[in-house]
PDBML (XML) file of the C-alpha atoms, coordinates in Angstrom:
<?xml version="1.0" encoding="UTF-8" ?>
<PDBx:datablock datablockName="MODEL"
   xmlns:PDBx="http://pdbml.pdb.org/schema/pdbx-v50.xsd"
   xmlns:xsi="http://www.w3.org/2001/XMLSchema-instance"
   xsi:schemaLocation="http://pdbml.pdb.org/schema/pdbx-v50.xsd pdbx-v50.xsd">
   <PDBx:atom_siteCategory>
      <PDBx:atom_site id="1">
         <PDBx:B_iso_or_equiv>0.00</PDBx:B_iso_or_equiv>
         <PDBx:Cartn_x>-11.133</PDBx:Cartn_x>
         <PDBx:Cartn_y>-4.206</PDBx:Cartn_y>
         <PDBx:Cartn_z>0.030</PDBx:Cartn_z>
         <PDBx:auth_asym_id>A</PDBx:auth_asym_id>
         <PDBx:auth_atom_id>CA</PDBx:auth_atom_id>
         <PDBx:auth_comp_id>UNK</PDBx:auth_comp_id>
         <PDBx:auth_seq_id>1</PDBx:auth_seq_id>
         <PDBx:group_PDB>ATOM</PDBx:group_PDB>
         <PDBx:label_alt_id xsi:nil="true" />
         <PDBx:label_asym_id>A</PDBx:label_asym_id>
         <PDBx:label_atom_id>CA</PDBx:label_atom_id>
         <PDBx:label_comp_id>UNK</PDBx:label_comp_id>
         <PDBx:label_entity_id>1</PDBx:label_entity_id>
         <PDBx:label_seq_id>1</PDBx:label_seq_id>
         <PDBx:occupancy>1.00</PDBx:occupancy>
         <PDBx:pdbx_PDB_model_num>1</PDBx:pdbx_PDB_model_num>
         <PDBx:type_symbol>C</PDBx:type_symbol>
      </PDBx:atom_site>
      <PDBx:atom_site id="2">
         <PDBx:B_iso_or_equiv>0.00</PDBx:B_iso_or_equiv>
         <PDBx:Cartn_x>-9.469</PDBx:Cartn_x>
         <PDBx:Cartn_y>-1.942</PDBx:Cartn_y>
         <PDBx:Cartn_z>-2.549</PDBx:Cartn_z>
         <PDBx:auth_asym_id>A</PDBx:auth_asym_id>
         <PDBx:auth_atom_id>CA</PDBx:auth_atom_id>
         <PDBx:auth_comp_id>UNK</PDBx:auth_comp_id>
         <PDBx:auth_seq_id>2</PDBx:auth_seq_id>
         <PDBx:group_PDB>ATOM</PDBx:group_PDB>
         <PDBx:label_alt_id xsi:nil="true" />
         <PDBx:label_asym_id>A</PDBx:label_asym_id>
         <PDBx:label_atom_id>CA</PDBx:label_atom_id>
         <PDBx:label_comp_id>UNK</PDBx:label_comp_id>
         <PDBx:label_entity_id>1</PDBx:label_entity_id>
         <PDBx:label_seq_id>2</PDBx:label_seq_id>
         <PDBx:occupancy>1.00</PDBx:occupancy>
         <PDBx:pdbx_PDB_model_num>1</PDBx:pdbx_PDB_model_num>
         <PDBx:type_symbol>C</PDBx:type_symbol>
      </PDBx:atom_site>
      <PDBx:atom_site id="3">
         <PDBx:B_iso_or_equiv>0.00</PDBx:B_iso_or_equiv>
         <PDBx:Cartn_x>-9.345</PDBx:Cartn_x>
         <PDBx:Cartn_y>1.015</PDBx:Cartn_y>
         <PDBx:Cartn_z>-0.160</PDBx:Cartn_z>
         <PDBx:auth_asym_id>A</PDBx:auth_asym_id>
         <PDBx:auth_atom_id>CA</PDBx:auth_atom_id>
         <PDBx:auth_comp_id>UNK</PDBx:auth_comp_id>
         <PDBx:auth_seq_id>3</PDBx:auth_seq_id>
         <PDBx:group_PDB>ATOM</PDBx:group_PDB>
         <PDBx:label_alt_id xsi:nil="true" />
         <PDBx:label_asym_id>A</PDBx:label_asym_id>
         <PDBx:label_atom_id>CA</PDBx:label_atom_id>
         <PDBx:label_comp_id>UNK</PDBx:label_comp_id>
         <PDBx:label_entity_id>1</PDBx:label_entity_id>
         <PDBx:label_seq_id>3</PDBx:label_seq_id>
         <PDBx:occupancy>1.00</PDBx:occupancy>
         <PDBx:pdbx_PDB_model_num>1</PDBx:pdbx_PDB_model_num>
         <PDBx:type_symbol>C</PDBx:type_symbol>
      </PDBx:atom_site>
      <PDBx:atom_site id="4">
         <PDBx:B_iso_or_equiv>0.00</PDBx:B_iso_or_equiv>
         <PDBx:Cartn_x>-7.966</PDBx:Cartn_x>
         <PDBx:Cartn_y>-1.274</PDBx:Cartn_y>
         <PDBx:Cartn_z>2.533</PDBx:Cartn_z>
         <PDBx:auth_asym_id>A</PDBx:auth_asym_id>
         <PDBx:auth_atom_id>CA</PDBx:auth_atom_id>
         <PDBx:auth_comp_id>UNK</PDBx:auth_comp_id>
         <PDBx:auth_seq_id>4</PDBx:auth_seq_id>
         <PDBx:group_PDB>ATOM</PDBx:group_PDB>
         <PDBx:label_alt_id xsi:nil="true" />
         <PDBx:label_asym_id>A</PDBx:label_asym_id>
         <PDBx:label_atom_id>CA</PDBx:label_atom_id>
         <PDBx:label_comp_id>UNK</PDBx:label_comp_id>
         <PDBx:label_entity_id>1</PDBx:label_entity_id>
         <PDBx:label_seq_id>4</PDBx:label_seq_id>
         <PDBx:occupancy>1.00</PDBx:occupancy>
         <PDBx:pdbx_PDB_model_num>1</PDBx:pdbx_PDB_model_num>
         <PDBx:type_symbol>C</PDBx:type_symbol>
      </PDBx:atom_site>
      <PDBx:atom_site id="5">
         <PDBx:B_iso_or_equiv>0.00</PDBx:B_iso_or_equiv>
         <PDBx:Cartn_x>-5.109</PDBx:Cartn_x>
         <PDBx:Cartn_y>-2.356</PDBx:Cartn_y>
         <PDBx:Cartn_z>0.262</PDBx:Cartn_z>
         <PDBx:auth_asym_id>A</PDBx:auth_asym_id>
         <PDBx:auth_atom_id>CA</PDBx:auth_atom_id>
         <PDBx:auth_comp_id>UNK</PDBx:auth_comp_id>
         <PDBx:auth_seq_id>5</PDBx:auth_seq_id>
         <PDBx:group_PDB>ATOM</PDBx:group_PDB>
         <PDBx:label_alt_id xsi:nil="true" />
         <PDBx:label_asym_id>A</PDBx:label_asym_id>
         <PDBx:label_atom_id>CA</PDBx:label_atom_id>
         <PDBx:label_comp_id>UNK</PDBx:label_comp_id>
         <PDBx:label_entity_id>1</PDBx:label_entity_id>
         <PDBx:label_seq_id>5</PDBx:label_seq_id>
         <PDBx:occupancy>1.00</PDBx:occupancy>
         <PDBx:pdbx_PDB_model_num>1</PDBx:pdbx_PDB_model_num>
         <PDBx:type_symbol>C</PDBx:type_symbol>
      </PDBx:atom_site>
      <PDBx:atom_site id="6">
         <PDBx:B_iso_or_equiv>0.00</PDBx:B_iso_or_equiv>
         <PDBx:Cartn_x>-4.437</PDBx:Cartn_x>
         <PDBx:Cartn_y>1.271</PDBx:Cartn_y>
         <PDBx:Cartn_z>-0.683</PDBx:Cartn_z>
         <PDBx:auth_asym_id>A</PDBx:auth_asym_id>
         <PDBx:auth_atom_id>CA</PDBx:auth_atom_id>
         <PDBx:auth_comp_id>UNK</PDBx:auth_comp_id>
         <PDBx:auth_seq_id>6</PDBx:auth_seq_id>
         <PDBx:group_PDB>ATOM</PDBx:group_PDB>
         <PDBx:label_alt_id xsi:nil="true" />
         <PDBx:label_asym_id>A</PDBx:label_asym_id>
         <PDBx:label_atom_id>CA</PDBx:label_atom_id>
         <PDBx:label_comp_id>UNK</PDBx:label_comp_id>
         <PDBx:label_entity_id>1</PDBx:label_entity_id>
         <PDBx:label_seq_id>6</PDBx:label_seq_id>
         <PDBx:occupancy>1.00</PDBx:occupancy>
         <PDBx:pdbx_PDB_model_num>1</PDBx:pdbx_PDB_model_num>
         <PDBx:type_symbol>C</PDBx:type_symbol>
      </PDBx:atom_site>
      <PDBx:atom_site id="7">
         <PDBx:B_iso_or_equiv>0.00</PDBx:B_iso_or_equiv>
         <PDBx:Cartn_x>-4.325</PDBx:Cartn_x>
         <PDBx:Cartn_y>2.252</PDBx:Cartn_y>
         <PDBx:Cartn_z>2.995</PDBx:Cartn_z>
         <PDBx:auth_asym_id>A</PDBx:auth_asym_id>
         <PDBx:auth_atom_id>CA</PDBx:auth_atom_id>
         <PDBx:auth_comp_id>UNK</PDBx:auth_comp_id>
         <PDBx:auth_seq_id>7</PDBx:auth_seq_id>
         <PDBx:group_PDB>ATOM</PDBx:group_PDB>
         <PDBx:label_alt_id xsi:nil="true" />
         <PDBx:label_asym_id>A</PDBx:label_asym_id>
         <PDBx:label_atom_id>CA</PDBx:label_atom_id>
         <PDBx:label_comp_id>UNK</PDBx:label_comp_id>
         <PDBx:label_entity_id>1</PDBx:label_entity_id>
         <PDBx:label_seq_id>7</PDBx:label_seq_id>
         <PDBx:occupancy>1.00</PDBx:occupancy>
         <PDBx:pdbx_PDB_model_num>1</PDBx:pdbx_PDB_model_num>
         <PDBx:type_symbol>C</PDBx:type_symbol>
      </PDBx:atom_site>
      <PDBx:atom_site id="8">
         <PDBx:B_iso_or_equiv>0.00</PDBx:B_iso_or_equiv>
         <PDBx:Cartn_x>-1.906</PDBx:Cartn_x>
         <PDBx:Cartn_y>-0.543</PDBx:Cartn_y>
         <PDBx:Cartn_z>3.883</PDBx:Cartn_z>
         <PDBx:auth_asym_id>A</PDBx:auth_asym_id>
         <PDBx:auth_atom_id>CA</PDBx:auth_atom_id>
         <PDBx:auth_comp_id>UNK</PDBx:auth_comp_id>
         <PDBx:auth_seq_id>8</PDBx:auth_seq_id>
         <PDBx:group_PDB>ATOM</PDBx:group_PDB>
         <PDBx:label_alt_id xsi:nil="true" />
         <PDBx:label_asym_id>A</PDBx:label_asym_id>
         <PDBx:label_atom_id>CA</PDBx:label_atom_id>
         <PDBx:label_comp_id>UNK</PDBx:label_comp_id>
         <PDBx:label_entity_id>1</PDBx:label_entity_id>
         <PDBx:label_seq_id>8</PDBx:label_seq_id>
         <PDBx:occupancy>1.00</PDBx:occupancy>
         <PDBx:pdbx_PDB_model_num>1</PDBx:pdbx_PDB_model_num>
         <PDBx:type_symbol>C</PDBx:type_symbol>
      </PDBx:atom_site>
      <PDBx:atom_site id="9">
         <PDBx:B_iso_or_equiv>0.00</PDBx:B_iso_or_equiv>
         <PDBx:Cartn_x>0.295</PDBx:Cartn_x>
         <PDBx:Cartn_y>0.271</PDBx:Cartn_y>
         <PDBx:Cartn_z>0.899</PDBx:Cartn_z>
         <PDBx:auth_asym_id>A</PDBx:auth_asym_id>
         <PDBx:auth_atom_id>CA</PDBx:auth_atom_id>
         <PDBx:auth_comp_id>UNK</PDBx:auth_comp_id>
         <PDBx:auth_seq_id>9</PDBx:auth_seq_id>
         <PDBx:group_PDB>ATOM</PDBx:group_PDB>
         <PDBx:label_alt_id xsi:nil="true" />
         <PDBx:label_asym_id>A</PDBx:label_asym_id>
         <PDBx:label_atom_id>CA</PDBx:label_atom_id>
         <PDBx:label_comp_id>UNK</PDBx:label_comp_id>
         <PDBx:label_entity_id>1</PDBx:label_entity_id>
         <PDBx:label_seq_id>9</PDBx:label_seq_id>
         <PDBx:occupancy>1.00</PDBx:occupancy>
         <PDBx:pdbx_PDB_model_num>1</PDBx:pdbx_PDB_model_num>
         <PDBx:type_symbol>C</PDBx:type_symbol>
      </PDBx:atom_site>
      <PDBx:atom_site id="10">
         <PDBx:B_iso_or_equiv>0.00</PDBx:B_iso_or_equiv>
         <PDBx:Cartn_x>0.397</PDBx:Cartn_x>
         <PDBx:Cartn_y>3.961</PDBx:Cartn_y>
         <PDBx:Cartn_z>1.803</PDBx:Cartn_z>
         <PDBx:auth_asym_id>A</PDBx:auth_asym_id>
         <PDBx:auth_atom_id>CA</PDBx:auth_atom_id>
         <PDBx:auth_comp_id>UNK</PDBx:auth_comp_id>
         <PDBx:auth_seq_id>10</PDBx:auth_seq_id>
         <PDBx:group_PDB>ATOM</PDBx:group_PDB>
         <PDBx:label_alt_id xsi:nil="true" />
         <PDBx:label_asym_id>A</PDBx:label_asym_id>
         <PDBx:label_atom_id>CA</PDBx:label_atom_id>
         <PDBx:label_comp_id>UNK</PDBx:label_comp_id>
         <PDBx:label_entity_id>1</PDBx:label_entity_id>
         <PDBx:label_seq_id>10</PDBx:label_seq_id>
         <PDBx:occupancy>1.00</PDBx:occupancy>
         <PDBx:pdbx_PDB_model_num>1</PDBx:pdbx_PDB_model_num>
         <PDBx:type_symbol>C</PDBx:type_symbol>
      </PDBx:atom_site>
      <PDBx:atom_site id="11">
         <PDBx:B_iso_or_equiv>0.00</PDBx:B_iso_or_equiv>
         <PDBx:Cartn_x>1.272</PDBx:Cartn_x>
         <PDBx:Cartn_y>3.172</PDBx:Cartn_y>
         <PDBx:Cartn_z>5.422</PDBx:Cartn_z>
         <PDBx:auth_asym_id>A</PDBx:auth_asym_id>
         <PDBx:auth_atom_id>CA</PDBx:auth_atom_id>
         <PDBx:auth_comp_id>UNK</PDBx:auth_comp_id>
         <PDBx:auth_seq_id>11</PDBx:auth_seq_id>
         <PDBx:group_PDB>ATOM</PDBx:group_PDB>
         <PDBx:label_alt_id xsi:nil="true" />
         <PDBx:label_asym_id>A</PDBx:label_asym_id>
         <PDBx:label_atom_id>CA</PDBx:label_atom_id>
         <PDBx:label_comp_id>UNK</PDBx:label_comp_id>
         <PDBx:label_entity_id>1</PDBx:label_entity_id>
         <PDBx:label_seq_id>11</PDBx:label_seq_id>
         <PDBx:occupancy>1.00</PDBx:occupancy>
         <PDBx:pdbx_PDB_model_num>1</PDBx:pdbx_PDB_model_num>
         <PDBx:type_symbol>C</PDBx:type_symbol>
      </PDBx:atom_site>
      <PDBx:atom_site id="12">
         <PDBx:B_iso_or_equiv>0.00</PDBx:B_iso_or_equiv>
         <PDBx:Cartn_x>4.233</PDBx:Cartn_x>
         <PDBx:Cartn_y>1.079</PDBx:Cartn_y>
         <PDBx:Cartn_z>4.288</PDBx:Cartn_z>
         <PDBx:auth_asym_id>A</PDBx:auth_asym_id>
         <PDBx:auth_atom_id>CA</PDBx:auth_atom_id>
         <PDBx:auth_comp_id>UNK</PDBx:auth_comp_id>
         <PDBx:auth_seq_id>12</PDBx:auth_seq_id>
         <PDBx:group_PDB>ATOM</PDBx:group_PDB>
         <PDBx:label_alt_id xsi:nil="true" />
         <PDBx:label_asym_id>A</PDBx:label_asym_id>
         <PDBx:label_atom_id>CA</PDBx:label_atom_id>
         <PDBx:label_comp_id>UNK</PDBx:label_comp_id>
         <PDBx:label_entity_id>1</PDBx:label_entity_id>
         <PDBx:label_seq_id>12</PDBx:label_seq_id>
         <PDBx:occupancy>1.00</PDBx:occupancy>
         <PDBx:pdbx_PDB_model_num>1</PDBx:pdbx_PDB_model_num>
         <PDBx:type_symbol>C</PDBx:type_symbol>
      </PDBx:atom_site>
      <PDBx:atom_site id="13">
         <PDBx:B_iso_or_equiv>0.00</PDBx:B_iso_or_equiv>
         <PDBx:Cartn_x>5.215</PDBx:Cartn_x>
         <PDBx:Cartn_y>3.738</PDBx:Cartn_y>
         <PDBx:Cartn_z>1.755</PDBx:Cartn_z>
         <PDBx:auth_asym_id>A</PDBx:auth_asym_id>
         <PDBx:auth_atom_id>CA</PDBx:auth_atom_id>
         <PDBx:auth_comp_id>UNK</PDBx:auth_comp_id>
         <PDBx:auth_seq_id>13</PDBx:auth_seq_id>
         <PDBx:group_PDB>ATOM</PDBx:group_PDB>
         <PDBx:label_alt_id xsi:nil="true" />
         <PDBx:label_asym_id>A</PDBx:label_asym_id>
         <PDBx:label_atom_id>CA</PDBx:label_atom_id>
         <PDBx:label_comp_id>UNK</PDBx:label_comp_id>
         <PDBx:label_entity_id>1</PDBx:label_entity_id>
         <PDBx:label_seq_id>13</PDBx:label_seq_id>
         <PDBx:occupancy>1.00</PDBx:occupancy>
         <PDBx:pdbx_PDB_model_num>1</PDBx:pdbx_PDB_model_num>
         <PDBx:type_symbol>C</PDBx:type_symbol>
      </PDBx:atom_site>
      <PDBx:atom_site id="14">
         <PDBx:B_iso_or_equiv>0.00</PDBx:B_iso_or_equiv>
         <PDBx:Cartn_x>5.367</PDBx:Cartn_x>
         <PDBx:Cartn_y>6.316</PDBx:Cartn_y>
         <PDBx:Cartn_z>4.558</PDBx:Cartn_z>
         <PDBx:auth_asym_id>A</PDBx:auth_asym_id>
         <PDBx:auth_atom_id>CA</PDBx:auth_atom_id>
         <PDBx:auth_comp_id>UNK</PDBx:auth_comp_id>
         <PDBx:auth_seq_id>14</PDBx:auth_seq_id>
         <PDBx:group_PDB>ATOM</PDBx:group_PDB>
         <PDBx:label_alt_id xsi:nil="true" />
         <PDBx:label_asym_id>A</PDBx:label_asym_id>
         <PDBx:label_atom_id>CA</PDBx:label_atom_id>
         <PDBx:label_comp_id>UNK</PDBx:label_comp_id>
         <PDBx:label_entity_id>1</PDBx:label_entity_id>
         <PDBx:label_seq_id>14</PDBx:label_seq_id>
         <PDBx:occupancy>1.00</PDBx:occupancy>
         <PDBx:pdbx_PDB_model_num>1</PDBx:pdbx_PDB_model_num>
         <PDBx:type_symbol>C</PDBx:type_symbol>
      </PDBx:atom_site>
      <PDBx:atom_site id="15">
         <PDBx:B_iso_or_equiv>0.00</PDBx:B_iso_or_equiv>
         <PDBx:Cartn_x>7.717</PDBx:Cartn_x>
         <PDBx:Cartn_y>3.945</PDBx:Cartn_y>
         <PDBx:Cartn_z>6.391</PDBx:Cartn_z>
         <PDBx:auth_asym_id>A</PDBx:auth_asym_id>
         <PDBx:auth_atom_id>CA</PDBx:auth_atom_id>
         <PDBx:auth_comp_id>UNK</PDBx:auth_comp_id>
         <PDBx:auth_seq_id>15</PDBx:auth_seq_id>
         <PDBx:group_PDB>ATOM</PDBx:group_PDB>
         <PDBx:label_alt_id xsi:nil="true" />
         <PDBx:label_asym_id>A</PDBx:label_asym_id>
         <PDBx:label_atom_id>CA</PDBx:label_atom_id>
         <PDBx:label_comp_id>UNK</PDBx:label_comp_id>
         <PDBx:label_entity_id>1</PDBx:label_entity_id>
         <PDBx:label_seq_id>15</PDBx:label_seq_id>
         <PDBx:occupancy>1.00</PDBx:occupancy>
         <PDBx:pdbx_PDB_model_num>1</PDBx:pdbx_PDB_model_num>
         <PDBx:type_symbol>C</PDBx:type_symbol>
      </PDBx:atom_site>
      <PDBx:atom_site id="16">
         <PDBx:B_iso_or_equiv>0.00</PDBx:B_iso_or_equiv>
         <PDBx:Cartn_x>10.222</PDBx:Cartn_x>
         <PDBx:Cartn_y>4.150</PDBx:Cartn_y>
         <PDBx:Cartn_z>3.550</PDBx:Cartn_z>
         <PDBx:auth_asym_id>A</PDBx:auth_asym_id>
         <PDBx:auth_atom_id>CA</PDBx:auth_atom_id>
         <PDBx:auth_comp_id>UNK</PDBx:auth_comp_id>
         <PDBx:auth_seq_id>16</PDBx:auth_seq_id>
         <PDBx:group_PDB>ATOM</PDBx:group_PDB>
         <PDBx:label_alt_id xsi:nil="true" />
         <PDBx:label_asym_id>A</PDBx:label_asym_id>
         <PDBx:label_atom_id>CA</PDBx:label_atom_id>
         <PDBx:label_comp_id>UNK</PDBx:label_comp_id>
         <PDBx:label_entity_id>1</PDBx:label_entity_id>
         <PDBx:label_seq_id>16</PDBx:label_seq_id>
         <PDBx:occupancy>1.00</PDBx:occupancy>
         <PDBx:pdbx_PDB_model_num>1</PDBx:pdbx_PDB_model_num>
         <PDBx:type_symbol>C</PDBx:type_symbol>
      </PDBx:atom_site>
      <PDBx:atom_site id="17">
         <PDBx:B_iso_or_equiv>0.00</PDBx:B_iso_or_equiv>
         <PDBx:Cartn_x>9.275</PDBx:Cartn_x>
         <PDBx:Cartn_y>1.061</PDBx:Cartn_y>
         <PDBx:Cartn_z>1.551</PDBx:Cartn_z>
         <PDBx:auth_asym_id>A</PDBx:auth_asym_id>
         <PDBx:auth_atom_id>CA</PDBx:auth_atom_id>
         <PDBx:auth_comp_id>UNK</PDBx:auth_comp_id>
         <PDBx:auth_seq_id>17</PDBx:auth_seq_id>
         <PDBx:group_PDB>ATOM</PDBx:group_PDB>
         <PDBx:label_alt_id xsi:nil="true" />
         <PDBx:label_asym_id>A</PDBx:label_asym_id>
         <PDBx:label_atom_id>CA</PDBx:label_atom_id>
         <PDBx:label_comp_id>UNK</PDBx:label_comp_id>
         <PDBx:label_entity_id>1</PDBx:label_entity_id>
         <PDBx:label_seq_id>17</PDBx:label_seq_id>
         <PDBx:occupancy>1.00</PDBx:occupancy>
         <PDBx:pdbx_PDB_model_num>1</PDBx:pdbx_PDB_model_num>
         <PDBx:type_symbol>C</PDBx:type_symbol>
      </PDBx:atom_site>
      <PDBx:atom_site id="18">
         <PDBx:B_iso_or_equiv>0.00</PDBx:B_iso_or_equiv>
         <PDBx:Cartn_x>9.006</PDBx:Cartn_x>
         <PDBx:Cartn_y>1.054</PDBx:Cartn_y>
         <PDBx:Cartn_z>-2.208</PDBx:Cartn_z>
         <PDBx:auth_asym_id>A</PDBx:auth_asym_id>
         <PDBx:auth_atom_id>CA</PDBx:auth_atom_id>
         <PDBx:auth_comp_id>UNK</PDBx:auth_comp_id>
         <PDBx:auth_seq_id>18</PDBx:auth_seq_id>
         <PDBx:group_PDB>ATOM</PDBx:group_PDB>
         <PDBx:label_alt_id xsi:nil="true" />
         <PDBx:label_asym_id>A</PDBx:label_asym_id>
         <PDBx:label_atom_id>CA</PDBx:label_atom_id>
         <PDBx:label_comp_id>UNK</PDBx:label_comp_id>
         <PDBx:label_entity_id>1</PDBx:label_entity_id>
         <PDBx:label_seq_id>18</PDBx:label_seq_id>
         <PDBx:occupancy>1.00</PDBx:occupancy>
         <PDBx:pdbx_PDB_model_num>1</PDBx:pdbx_PDB_model_num>
         <PDBx:type_symbol>C</PDBx:type_symbol>
      </PDBx:atom_site>
      <PDBx:atom_site id="19">
         <PDBx:B_iso_or_equiv>0.00</PDBx:B_iso_or_equiv>
         <PDBx:Cartn_x>5.533</PDBx:Cartn_x>
         <PDBx:Cartn_y>-0.402</PDBx:Cartn_y>
         <PDBx:Cartn_z>-2.745</PDBx:Cartn_z>
         <PDBx:auth_asym_id>A</PDBx:auth_asym_id>
         <PDBx:auth_atom_id>CA</PDBx:auth_atom_id>
         <PDBx:auth_comp_id>UNK</PDBx:auth_comp_id>
         <PDBx:auth_seq_id>19</PDBx:auth_seq_id>
         <PDBx:group_PDB>ATOM</PDBx:group_PDB>
         <PDBx:label_alt_id xsi:nil="true" />
         <PDBx:label_asym_id>A</PDBx:label_asym_id>
         <PDBx:label_atom_id>CA</PDBx:label_atom_id>
         <PDBx:label_comp_id>UNK</PDBx:label_comp_id>
         <PDBx:label_entity_id>1</PDBx:label_entity_id>
         <PDBx:label_seq_id>19</PDBx:label_seq_id>
         <PDBx:occupancy>1.00</PDBx:occupancy>
         <PDBx:pdbx_PDB_model_num>1</PDBx:pdbx_PDB_model_num>
         <PDBx:type_symbol>C</PDBx:type_symbol>
      </PDBx:atom_site>
      <PDBx:atom_site id="20">
         <PDBx:B_iso_or_equiv>0.00</PDBx:B_iso_or_equiv>
         <PDBx:Cartn_x>4.384</PDBx:Cartn_x>
         <PDBx:Cartn_y>-2.338</PDBx:Cartn_y>
         <PDBx:Cartn_z>-5.777</PDBx:Cartn_z>
         <PDBx:auth_asym_id>A</PDBx:auth_asym_id>
         <PDBx:auth_atom_id>CA</PDBx:auth_atom_id>
         <PDBx:auth_comp_id>UNK</PDBx:auth_comp_id>
         <PDBx:auth_seq_id>20</PDBx:auth_seq_id>
         <PDBx:group_PDB>ATOM</PDBx:group_PDB>
         <PDBx:label_alt_id xsi:nil="true" />
         <PDBx:label_asym_id>A</PDBx:label_asym_id>
         <PDBx:label_atom_id>CA</PDBx:label_atom_id>
         <PDBx:label_comp_id>UNK</PDBx:label_comp_id>
         <PDBx:label_entity_id>1</PDBx:label_entity_id>
         <PDBx:label_seq_id>20</PDBx:label_seq_id>
         <PDBx:occupancy>1.00</PDBx:occupancy>
         <PDBx:pdbx_PDB_model_num>1</PDBx:pdbx_PDB_model_num>
         <PDBx:type_symbol>C</PDBx:type_symbol>
      </PDBx:atom_site>
      <PDBx:atom_site id="21">
         <PDBx:B_iso_or_equiv>0.00</PDBx:B_iso_or_equiv>
         <PDBx:Cartn_x>0.647</PDBx:Cartn_x>
         <PDBx:Cartn_y>-2.974</PDBx:Cartn_y>
         <PDBx:Cartn_z>-5.851</PDBx:Cartn_z>
         <PDBx:auth_asym_id>A</PDBx:auth_asym_id>
         <PDBx:auth_atom_id>CA</PDBx:auth_atom_id>
         <PDBx:auth_comp_id>UNK</PDBx:auth_comp_id>
         <PDBx:auth_seq_id>21</PDBx:auth_seq_id>
         <PDBx:group_PDB>ATOM</PDBx:group_PDB>
         <PDBx:label_alt_id xsi:nil="true" />
         <PDBx:label_asym_id>A</PDBx:label_asym_id>
         <PDBx:label_atom_id>CA</PDBx:label_atom_id>
         <PDBx:label_comp_id>UNK</PDBx:label_comp_id>
         <PDBx:label_entity_id>1</PDBx:label_entity_id>
         <PDBx:label_seq_id>21</PDBx:label_seq_id>
         <PDBx:occupancy>1.00</PDBx:occupancy>
         <PDBx:pdbx_PDB_model_num>1</PDBx:pdbx_PDB_model_num>
         <PDBx:type_symbol>C</PDBx:type_symbol>
      </PDBx:atom_site>
      <PDBx:atom_site id="22">
         <PDBx:B_iso_or_equiv>0.00</PDBx:B_iso_or_equiv>
         <PDBx:Cartn_x>-0.357</PDBx:Cartn_x>
         <PDBx:Cartn_y>-6.373</PDBx:Cartn_y>
         <PDBx:Cartn_z>-7.197</PDBx:Cartn_z>
         <PDBx:auth_asym_id>A</PDBx:auth_asym_id>
         <PDBx:auth_atom_id>CA</PDBx:auth_atom_id>
         <PDBx:auth_comp_id>UNK</PDBx:auth_comp_id>
         <PDBx:auth_seq_id>22</PDBx:auth_seq_id>
         <PDBx:group_PDB>ATOM</PDBx:group_PDB>
         <PDBx:label_alt_id xsi:nil="true" />
         <PDBx:label_asym_id>A</PDBx:label_asym_id>
         <PDBx:label_atom_id>CA</PDBx:label_atom_id>
         <PDBx:label_comp_id>UNK</PDBx:label_comp_id>
         <PDBx:label_entity_id>1</PDBx:label_entity_id>
         <PDBx:label_seq_id>22</PDBx:label_seq_id>
         <PDBx:occupancy>1.00</PDBx:occupancy>
         <PDBx:pdbx_PDB_model_num>1</PDBx:pdbx_PDB_model_num>
         <PDBx:type_symbol>C</PDBx:type_symbol>
      </PDBx:atom_site>
      <PDBx:atom_site id="23">
         <PDBx:B_iso_or_equiv>0.00</PDBx:B_iso_or_equiv>
         <PDBx:Cartn_x>-3.865</PDBx:Cartn_x>
         <PDBx:Cartn_y>-7.068</PDBx:Cartn_y>
         <PDBx:Cartn_z>-5.960</PDBx:Cartn_z>
         <PDBx:auth_asym_id>A</PDBx:auth_asym_id>
         <PDBx:auth_atom_id>CA</PDBx:auth_atom_id>
         <PDBx:auth_comp_id>UNK</PDBx:auth_comp_id>
         <PDBx:auth_seq_id>23</PDBx:auth_seq_id>
         <PDBx:group_PDB>ATOM</PDBx:group_PDB>
         <PDBx:label_alt_id xsi:nil="true" />
         <PDBx:label_asym_id>A</PDBx:label_asym_id>
         <PDBx:label_atom_id>CA</PDBx:label_atom_id>
         <PDBx:label_comp_id>UNK</PDBx:label_comp_id>
         <PDBx:label_entity_id>1</PDBx:label_entity_id>
         <PDBx:label_seq_id>23</PDBx:label_seq_id>
         <PDBx:occupancy>1.00</PDBx:occupancy>
         <PDBx:pdbx_PDB_model_num>1</PDBx:pdbx_PDB_model_num>
         <PDBx:type_symbol>C</PDBx:type_symbol>
      </PDBx:atom_site>
      <PDBx:atom_site id="24">
         <PDBx:B_iso_or_equiv>0.00</PDBx:B_iso_or_equiv>
         <PDBx:Cartn_x>-5.650</PDBx:Cartn_x>
         <PDBx:Cartn_y>-3.811</PDBx:Cartn_y>
         <PDBx:Cartn_z>-6.790</PDBx:Cartn_z>
         <PDBx:auth_asym_id>A</PDBx:auth_asym_id>
         <PDBx:auth_atom_id>CA</PDBx:auth_atom_id>
         <PDBx:auth_comp_id>UNK</PDBx:auth_comp_id>
         <PDBx:auth_seq_id>24</PDBx:auth_seq_id>
         <PDBx:group_PDB>ATOM</PDBx:group_PDB>
         <PDBx:label_alt_id xsi:nil="true" />
         <PDBx:label_asym_id>A</PDBx:label_asym_id>
         <PDBx:label_atom_id>CA</PDBx:label_atom_id>
         <PDBx:label_comp_id>UNK</PDBx:label_comp_id>
         <PDBx:label_entity_id>1</PDBx:label_entity_id>
         <PDBx:label_seq_id>24</PDBx:label_seq_id>
         <PDBx:occupancy>1.00</PDBx:occupancy>
         <PDBx:pdbx_PDB_model_num>1</PDBx:pdbx_PDB_model_num>
         <PDBx:type_symbol>C</PDBx:type_symbol>
      </PDBx:atom_site>
   </PDBx:atom_siteCategory>
</PDBx:datablock>
């Protein structure tokens, strides 16, 4: 689950979002 959250966060980051990780 942690890798899945990291993957999703990185995908959004590559789309130009500033990503703040809460659930890691």
